[in-house]
Amino acid sequence: MKKYKIGYTTGVFDLFHIGHLNILRRAKKMCDYLIVGVSTDQLAWEYKNKKPIIPYYERVAIVEAIRYVDKVVSQTTMDKMIAWKELKFDVMFHGDDWKDTPLYQKYKEQFELIGIDLVFIPHTVGTSSTDLAKKFFE
């Protein structure tokens, strides 16, 4: 397993669950320093068409408390190249449920041009914030 210096991952992290923890744990095993971008409520609305149940600042506090996380930043755009220009990470981690999407194929191509790896971490089957919300609010 390759070890990176600075890793980056993002998410809404609404209704924090074991799948979120698994991604953060696995990402941290592959890098010395893990930066996590937490999507703002506005960004979550823009790309998921729904408002998070847990407010942004509470989601940030939860992610900051995770021992695998070294730094939390606001994710205000889905453009990962903007994040790279600011944070200069060596690798970006993401759940493999996004692996074959056009958006992440584009990022993979862009990152390859500048020597940044995109590593997909296995999605935890059977858990998602959407599924949890349905259970709670049905």
N, C-alpha and C. Protein backbone atom coordinates (compact mmCIF):
# COMPACT_ATOMS: atom_id res chain seq x y z
N MET A 1 0.84 -1.18 0.00
CA MET A 1 0.00 0.00 0.00
C MET A 1 0.88 1.24 0.00
N LYS A 2 0.61 2.14 -0.93
CA LYS A 2 1.36 3.38 -1.04
C LYS A 2 0.98 4.31 0.10
N LYS A 3 1.96 4.99 0.67
CA LYS A 3 1.71 5.95 1.74
C LYS A 3 1.93 7.35 1.19
N TYR A 4 0.92 8.20 1.36
CA TYR A 4 0.95 9.58 0.86
C TYR A 4 1.23 10.54 2.01
N LYS A 5 1.67 11.73 1.67
CA LYS A 5 1.91 12.75 2.68
C LYS A 5 0.59 13.42 3.09
N ILE A 6 -0.12 14.02 2.12
CA ILE A 6 -1.35 14.75 2.44
C ILE A 6 -2.51 14.17 1.64
N GLY A 7 -3.52 13.72 2.36
CA GLY A 7 -4.71 13.19 1.73
C GLY A 7 -5.89 14.13 1.92
N TYR A 8 -6.85 14.00 1.02
CA TYR A 8 -8.04 14.85 1.06
C TYR A 8 -9.26 14.01 0.71
N THR A 9 -10.32 14.21 1.45
CA THR A 9 -11.60 13.60 1.12
C THR A 9 -12.70 14.58 1.47
N THR A 10 -13.86 14.34 0.93
CA THR A 10 -14.98 15.25 1.16
C THR A 10 -16.25 14.48 1.41
N GLY A 11 -17.23 15.18 1.94
CA GLY A 11 -18.54 14.59 2.12
C GLY A 11 -19.46 15.55 2.82
N VAL A 12 -20.73 15.20 2.82
CA VAL A 12 -21.71 15.97 3.58
C VAL A 12 -21.63 15.55 5.05
N PHE A 13 -21.45 14.26 5.29
CA PHE A 13 -21.34 13.70 6.63
C PHE A 13 -22.59 13.97 7.46
N ASP A 14 -23.74 13.89 6.80
CA ASP A 14 -25.02 14.07 7.49
C ASP A 14 -25.40 12.73 8.12
N LEU A 15 -25.95 12.77 9.30
CA LEU A 15 -26.29 11.56 10.04
C LEU A 15 -25.08 10.61 10.03
N PHE A 16 -24.00 11.09 10.62
CA PHE A 16 -22.72 10.37 10.60
C PHE A 16 -22.93 8.90 10.96
N HIS A 17 -22.36 8.01 10.14
CA HIS A 17 -22.57 6.58 10.31
C HIS A 17 -21.27 5.82 10.05
N ILE A 18 -21.33 4.50 10.19
CA ILE A 18 -20.14 3.65 10.07
C ILE A 18 -19.48 3.76 8.70
N GLY A 19 -20.24 3.99 7.65
CA GLY A 19 -19.65 4.17 6.33
C GLY A 19 -18.74 5.38 6.28
N HIS A 20 -19.17 6.47 6.92
CA HIS A 20 -18.33 7.67 6.99
C HIS A 20 -17.04 7.35 7.75
N LEU A 21 -17.19 6.70 8.89
CA LEU A 21 -16.02 6.35 9.70
C LEU A 21 -15.07 5.44 8.94
N ASN A 22 -15.61 4.48 8.21
CA ASN A 22 -14.77 3.57 7.44
C ASN A 22 -13.92 4.30 6.40
N ILE A 23 -14.52 5.25 5.71
CA ILE A 23 -13.76 6.01 4.70
C ILE A 23 -12.64 6.81 5.37
N LEU A 24 -12.96 7.48 6.47
CA LEU A 24 -11.95 8.29 7.15
C LEU A 24 -10.83 7.41 7.71
N ARG A 25 -11.17 6.28 8.29
CA ARG A 25 -10.16 5.37 8.85
C ARG A 25 -9.25 4.83 7.75
N ARG A 26 -9.85 4.38 6.67
CA ARG A 26 -9.05 3.81 5.57
C ARG A 26 -8.19 4.86 4.89
N ALA A 27 -8.73 6.06 4.73
CA ALA A 27 -7.95 7.14 4.12
C ALA A 27 -6.75 7.49 4.99
N LYS A 28 -6.96 7.59 6.29
CA LYS A 28 -5.87 7.97 7.20
C LYS A 28 -4.77 6.91 7.20
N LYS A 29 -5.12 5.65 7.02
CA LYS A 29 -4.09 4.60 6.95
C LYS A 29 -3.16 4.80 5.77
N MET A 30 -3.63 5.53 4.74
CA MET A 30 -2.83 5.71 3.53
C MET A 30 -2.13 7.07 3.45
N CYS A 31 -2.29 7.91 4.48
CA CYS A 31 -1.61 9.21 4.42
C CYS A 31 -1.19 9.66 5.82
N ASP A 32 -0.21 10.55 5.84
CA ASP A 32 0.26 11.09 7.12
C ASP A 32 -0.67 12.15 7.68
N TYR A 33 -1.30 12.90 6.80
CA TYR A 33 -2.12 14.05 7.20
C TYR A 33 -3.39 14.03 6.37
N LEU A 34 -4.54 13.97 7.04
CA LEU A 34 -5.82 13.87 6.33
C LEU A 34 -6.64 15.14 6.51
N ILE A 35 -6.94 15.76 5.38
CA ILE A 35 -7.82 16.94 5.35
C ILE A 35 -9.19 16.48 4.87
N VAL A 36 -10.22 16.93 5.56
CA VAL A 36 -11.58 16.55 5.20
C VAL A 36 -12.40 17.80 4.90
N GLY A 37 -12.97 17.83 3.70
CA GLY A 37 -13.86 18.91 3.30
C GLY A 37 -15.30 18.52 3.64
N VAL A 38 -15.94 19.31 4.48
CA VAL A 38 -17.34 19.07 4.84
C VAL A 38 -18.19 20.02 4.00
N SER A 39 -19.12 19.45 3.27
CA SER A 39 -19.98 20.25 2.39
C SER A 39 -20.86 21.19 3.21
N THR A 40 -20.92 22.43 2.75
CA THR A 40 -21.84 23.38 3.39
C THR A 40 -23.27 22.97 3.08
N ASP A 41 -24.21 23.50 3.83
CA ASP A 41 -25.61 23.22 3.57
C ASP A 41 -26.00 23.63 2.15
N GLN A 42 -25.49 24.78 1.71
CA GLN A 42 -25.80 25.28 0.37
C GLN A 42 -25.29 24.34 -0.71
N LEU A 43 -24.06 23.87 -0.57
CA LEU A 43 -23.50 22.96 -1.57
C LEU A 43 -24.28 21.64 -1.58
N ALA A 44 -24.61 21.14 -0.41
CA ALA A 44 -25.38 19.89 -0.35
C ALA A 44 -26.71 20.06 -1.08
N TRP A 45 -27.34 21.20 -0.91
CA TRP A 45 -28.59 21.48 -1.60
C TRP A 45 -28.38 21.52 -3.11
N GLU A 46 -27.29 22.15 -3.54
CA GLU A 46 -27.02 22.31 -4.97
C GLU A 46 -26.82 20.97 -5.68
N TYR A 47 -26.12 20.02 -5.05
CA TYR A 47 -25.85 18.79 -5.79
C TYR A 47 -26.66 17.57 -5.33
N LYS A 48 -27.34 17.69 -4.21
CA LYS A 48 -28.18 16.57 -3.77
C LYS A 48 -29.66 16.92 -3.75
N ASN A 49 -29.94 18.19 -3.94
CA ASN A 49 -31.33 18.68 -3.93
C ASN A 49 -32.03 18.41 -2.61
N LYS A 50 -31.27 18.44 -1.53
CA LYS A 50 -31.88 18.30 -0.21
C LYS A 50 -31.00 18.98 0.83
N LYS A 51 -31.66 19.48 1.84
CA LYS A 51 -30.95 20.14 2.93
C LYS A 51 -30.52 19.08 3.95
N PRO A 52 -29.29 19.14 4.43
CA PRO A 52 -28.86 18.19 5.45
C PRO A 52 -29.73 18.29 6.70
N ILE A 53 -29.89 17.18 7.38
CA ILE A 53 -30.65 17.15 8.62
C ILE A 53 -29.86 17.79 9.75
N ILE A 54 -28.57 17.47 9.81
CA ILE A 54 -27.67 18.03 10.82
C ILE A 54 -27.08 19.32 10.26
N PRO A 55 -27.17 20.43 11.00
CA PRO A 55 -26.61 21.70 10.51
C PRO A 55 -25.10 21.61 10.25
N TYR A 56 -24.63 22.42 9.34
CA TYR A 56 -23.23 22.41 8.91
C TYR A 56 -22.24 22.46 10.07
N TYR A 57 -22.39 23.42 10.98
CA TYR A 57 -21.40 23.58 12.04
C TYR A 57 -21.38 22.38 13.00
N GLU A 58 -22.50 21.71 13.15
CA GLU A 58 -22.52 20.49 13.96
C GLU A 58 -21.83 19.35 13.23
N ARG A 59 -22.03 19.26 11.91
CA ARG A 59 -21.34 18.23 11.13
C ARG A 59 -19.83 18.44 11.17
N VAL A 60 -19.40 19.70 11.10
CA VAL A 60 -17.98 20.02 11.21
C VAL A 60 -17.45 19.57 12.57
N ALA A 61 -18.16 19.87 13.64
CA ALA A 61 -17.72 19.50 14.98
C ALA A 61 -17.60 17.98 15.12
N ILE A 62 -18.52 17.23 14.53
CA ILE A 62 -18.45 15.77 14.57
C ILE A 62 -17.21 15.28 13.85
N VAL A 63 -16.99 15.78 12.64
CA VAL A 63 -15.84 15.32 11.84
C VAL A 63 -14.53 15.73 12.51
N GLU A 64 -14.47 16.93 13.08
CA GLU A 64 -13.26 17.38 13.78
C GLU A 64 -12.91 16.47 14.96
N ALA A 65 -13.91 15.85 15.56
CA ALA A 65 -13.70 15.01 16.74
C ALA A 65 -13.18 13.61 16.40
N ILE A 66 -13.18 13.26 15.12
CA ILE A 66 -12.73 11.94 14.71
C ILE A 66 -11.21 11.90 14.73
N ARG A 67 -10.64 10.92 15.38
CA ARG A 67 -9.18 10.87 15.56
C ARG A 67 -8.40 10.70 14.27
N TYR A 68 -9.04 10.26 13.21
CA TYR A 68 -8.34 10.06 11.94
C TYR A 68 -8.21 11.34 11.14
N VAL A 69 -8.89 12.38 11.56
CA VAL A 69 -8.95 13.64 10.82
C VAL A 69 -7.97 14.65 11.42
N ASP A 70 -7.11 15.20 10.55
CA ASP A 70 -6.14 16.19 11.02
C ASP A 70 -6.62 17.62 10.82
N LYS A 71 -7.44 17.85 9.81
CA LYS A 71 -7.91 19.21 9.53
C LYS A 71 -9.25 19.12 8.81
N VAL A 72 -10.17 20.02 9.17
CA VAL A 72 -11.47 20.10 8.49
C VAL A 72 -11.55 21.46 7.80
N VAL A 73 -12.01 21.43 6.55
CA VAL A 73 -12.21 22.66 5.78
C VAL A 73 -13.63 22.65 5.22
N SER A 74 -14.12 23.81 4.88
CA SER A 74 -15.43 23.92 4.25
C SER A 74 -15.33 23.51 2.78
N GLN A 75 -16.27 22.69 2.34
CA GLN A 75 -16.36 22.39 0.92
C GLN A 75 -17.51 23.24 0.38
N THR A 76 -17.16 24.26 -0.40
CA THR A 76 -18.16 25.17 -0.94
C THR A 76 -18.39 24.99 -2.43
N THR A 77 -17.59 24.12 -3.05
CA THR A 77 -17.72 23.84 -4.47
C THR A 77 -17.39 22.38 -4.71
N MET A 78 -17.99 21.80 -5.73
CA MET A 78 -17.67 20.42 -6.10
C MET A 78 -16.38 20.34 -6.91
N ASP A 79 -15.82 21.47 -7.30
CA ASP A 79 -14.62 21.51 -8.13
C ASP A 79 -13.40 21.15 -7.29
N LYS A 80 -12.93 19.93 -7.43
CA LYS A 80 -11.81 19.43 -6.64
C LYS A 80 -10.48 20.07 -7.04
N MET A 81 -10.40 20.61 -8.25
CA MET A 81 -9.18 21.30 -8.66
C MET A 81 -9.00 22.60 -7.86
N ILE A 82 -10.09 23.26 -7.54
CA ILE A 82 -10.01 24.45 -6.69
C ILE A 82 -9.47 24.06 -5.32
N ALA A 83 -9.97 22.95 -4.78
CA ALA A 83 -9.49 22.47 -3.48
C ALA A 83 -8.00 22.13 -3.56
N TRP A 84 -7.58 21.46 -4.64
CA TRP A 84 -6.17 21.10 -4.76
C TRP A 84 -5.28 22.34 -4.82
N LYS A 85 -5.70 23.35 -5.57
CA LYS A 85 -4.90 24.58 -5.67
C LYS A 85 -4.69 25.22 -4.31
N GLU A 86 -5.68 25.09 -3.43
CA GLU A 86 -5.59 25.68 -2.10
C GLU A 86 -4.86 24.78 -1.11
N LEU A 87 -5.12 23.47 -1.17
CA LEU A 87 -4.64 22.56 -0.13
C LEU A 87 -3.40 21.75 -0.50
N LYS A 88 -3.12 21.62 -1.80
CA LYS A 88 -1.93 20.90 -2.29
C LYS A 88 -1.80 19.48 -1.74
N PHE A 89 -2.88 18.72 -1.79
CA PHE A 89 -2.85 17.33 -1.36
C PHE A 89 -2.19 16.46 -2.42
N ASP A 90 -1.69 15.28 -1.99
CA ASP A 90 -1.04 14.32 -2.88
C ASP A 90 -2.01 13.30 -3.43
N VAL A 91 -3.11 13.11 -2.71
CA VAL A 91 -4.09 12.09 -3.07
C VAL A 91 -5.47 12.55 -2.61
N MET A 92 -6.46 12.19 -3.40
CA MET A 92 -7.83 12.40 -2.99
C MET A 92 -8.48 11.04 -2.83
N PHE A 93 -9.22 10.88 -1.73
CA PHE A 93 -9.93 9.65 -1.46
C PHE A 93 -11.43 9.88 -1.63
N HIS A 94 -12.10 8.87 -2.15
CA HIS A 94 -13.56 8.95 -2.28
C HIS A 94 -14.14 7.55 -2.26
N GLY A 95 -15.39 7.46 -1.85
CA GLY A 95 -16.08 6.18 -1.87
C GLY A 95 -16.22 5.67 -3.29
N ASP A 96 -16.08 4.36 -3.46
CA ASP A 96 -16.09 3.79 -4.82
C ASP A 96 -17.47 3.79 -5.46
N ASP A 97 -18.49 4.20 -4.73
CA ASP A 97 -19.82 4.33 -5.34
C ASP A 97 -19.85 5.47 -6.37
N TRP A 98 -18.84 6.33 -6.36
CA TRP A 98 -18.73 7.42 -7.33
C TRP A 98 -17.71 7.12 -8.44
N LYS A 99 -17.06 5.97 -8.36
CA LYS A 99 -15.92 5.67 -9.22
C LYS A 99 -16.20 5.82 -10.72
N ASP A 100 -17.29 5.32 -11.20
CA ASP A 100 -17.55 5.34 -12.64
C ASP A 100 -18.42 6.49 -13.11
N THR A 101 -18.58 7.50 -12.26
CA THR A 101 -19.38 8.64 -12.67
C THR A 101 -18.56 9.55 -13.58
N PRO A 102 -19.20 10.23 -14.51
CA PRO A 102 -18.47 11.16 -15.39
C PRO A 102 -17.69 12.22 -14.61
N LEU A 103 -18.28 12.70 -13.51
CA LEU A 103 -17.61 13.73 -12.71
C LEU A 103 -16.27 13.24 -12.18
N TYR A 104 -16.23 12.05 -11.62
CA TYR A 104 -14.98 11.55 -11.04
C TYR A 104 -14.02 11.01 -12.08
N GLN A 105 -14.51 10.62 -13.23
CA GLN A 105 -13.60 10.27 -14.33
C GLN A 105 -12.87 11.54 -14.80
N LYS A 106 -13.60 12.65 -14.81
CA LYS A 106 -12.99 13.94 -15.18
C LYS A 106 -11.91 14.32 -14.16
N TYR A 107 -12.22 14.18 -12.87
CA TYR A 107 -11.21 14.50 -11.84
C TYR A 107 -10.00 13.60 -11.95
N LYS A 108 -10.23 12.33 -12.21
CA LYS A 108 -9.11 11.38 -12.35
C LYS A 108 -8.18 11.84 -13.47
N GLU A 109 -8.75 12.22 -14.59
CA GLU A 109 -7.94 12.69 -15.73
C GLU A 109 -7.19 13.98 -15.38
N GLN A 110 -7.88 14.91 -14.73
CA GLN A 110 -7.23 16.18 -14.35
C GLN A 110 -6.11 15.95 -13.35
N PHE A 111 -6.34 15.10 -12.37
CA PHE A 111 -5.33 14.82 -11.35
C PHE A 111 -4.12 14.12 -11.95
N GLU A 112 -4.34 13.20 -12.87
CA GLU A 112 -3.22 12.49 -13.50
C GLU A 112 -2.25 13.46 -14.17
N LEU A 113 -2.77 14.53 -14.75
CA LEU A 113 -1.93 15.51 -15.42
C LEU A 113 -0.97 16.23 -14.47
N ILE A 114 -1.35 16.30 -13.19
CA ILE A 114 -0.50 17.01 -12.22
C ILE A 114 0.10 16.06 -11.18
N GLY A 115 -0.03 14.75 -11.40
CA GLY A 115 0.61 13.77 -10.53
C GLY A 115 -0.11 13.50 -9.22
N ILE A 116 -1.40 13.75 -9.19
CA ILE A 116 -2.19 13.50 -7.98
C ILE A 116 -2.97 12.20 -8.18
N ASP A 117 -2.96 11.34 -7.18
CA ASP A 117 -3.71 10.10 -7.27
C ASP A 117 -5.14 10.29 -6.77
N LEU A 118 -6.05 9.54 -7.35
CA LEU A 118 -7.44 9.48 -6.90
C LEU A 118 -7.67 8.03 -6.49
N VAL A 119 -7.89 7.81 -5.20
CA VAL A 119 -8.05 6.47 -4.66
C VAL A 119 -9.50 6.29 -4.22
N PHE A 120 -10.12 5.24 -4.73
CA PHE A 120 -11.49 4.94 -4.36
C PHE A 120 -11.50 3.89 -3.26
N ILE A 121 -12.20 4.20 -2.20
CA ILE A 121 -12.30 3.33 -1.04
C ILE A 121 -13.64 2.60 -1.11
N PRO A 122 -13.64 1.30 -0.83
CA PRO A 122 -14.90 0.55 -0.92
C PRO A 122 -16.02 1.16 -0.08
N HIS A 123 -17.15 1.31 -0.72
CA HIS A 123 -18.36 1.82 -0.07
C HIS A 123 -18.87 0.78 0.92
N THR A 124 -19.29 1.22 2.09
CA THR A 124 -19.86 0.31 3.08
C THR A 124 -21.28 -0.04 2.65
N VAL A 125 -21.45 -1.26 2.24
CA VAL A 125 -22.74 -1.72 1.73
C VAL A 125 -23.78 -1.72 2.84
N GLY A 126 -24.97 -1.25 2.51
CA GLY A 126 -26.09 -1.32 3.44
C GLY A 126 -26.25 -0.14 4.37
N THR A 127 -25.43 0.91 4.19
CA THR A 127 -25.59 2.07 5.04
C THR A 127 -25.42 3.35 4.22
N SER A 128 -26.31 4.28 4.46
CA SER A 128 -26.20 5.61 3.85
C SER A 128 -27.06 6.56 4.66
N SER A 129 -26.71 7.83 4.62
CA SER A 129 -27.51 8.83 5.33
C SER A 129 -28.93 8.89 4.79
N THR A 130 -29.07 8.71 3.49
CA THR A 130 -30.41 8.72 2.87
C THR A 130 -31.26 7.59 3.44
N ASP A 131 -30.67 6.39 3.53
CA ASP A 131 -31.40 5.25 4.08
C ASP A 131 -31.75 5.46 5.54
N LEU A 132 -30.81 6.01 6.31
CA LEU A 132 -31.08 6.29 7.72
C LEU A 132 -32.21 7.29 7.87
N ALA A 133 -32.19 8.34 7.08
CA ALA A 133 -33.24 9.37 7.16
C ALA A 133 -34.60 8.76 6.85
N LYS A 134 -34.66 7.89 5.85
CA LYS A 134 -35.93 7.24 5.52
C LYS A 134 -36.46 6.42 6.70
N LYS A 135 -35.58 5.71 7.38
CA LYS A 135 -35.98 4.92 8.55
C LYS A 135 -36.52 5.79 9.67
N PHE A 136 -35.87 6.92 9.89
CA PHE A 136 -36.27 7.81 10.98
C PHE A 136 -37.54 8.60 10.67
N PHE A 137 -37.72 8.97 9.44
CA PHE A 137 -38.76 9.94 9.13
C PHE A 137 -39.92 9.37 8.32
N GLU A 138 -39.99 8.07 8.19
CA GLU A 138 -41.12 7.46 7.47
C GLU A 138 -42.32 7.39 8.37
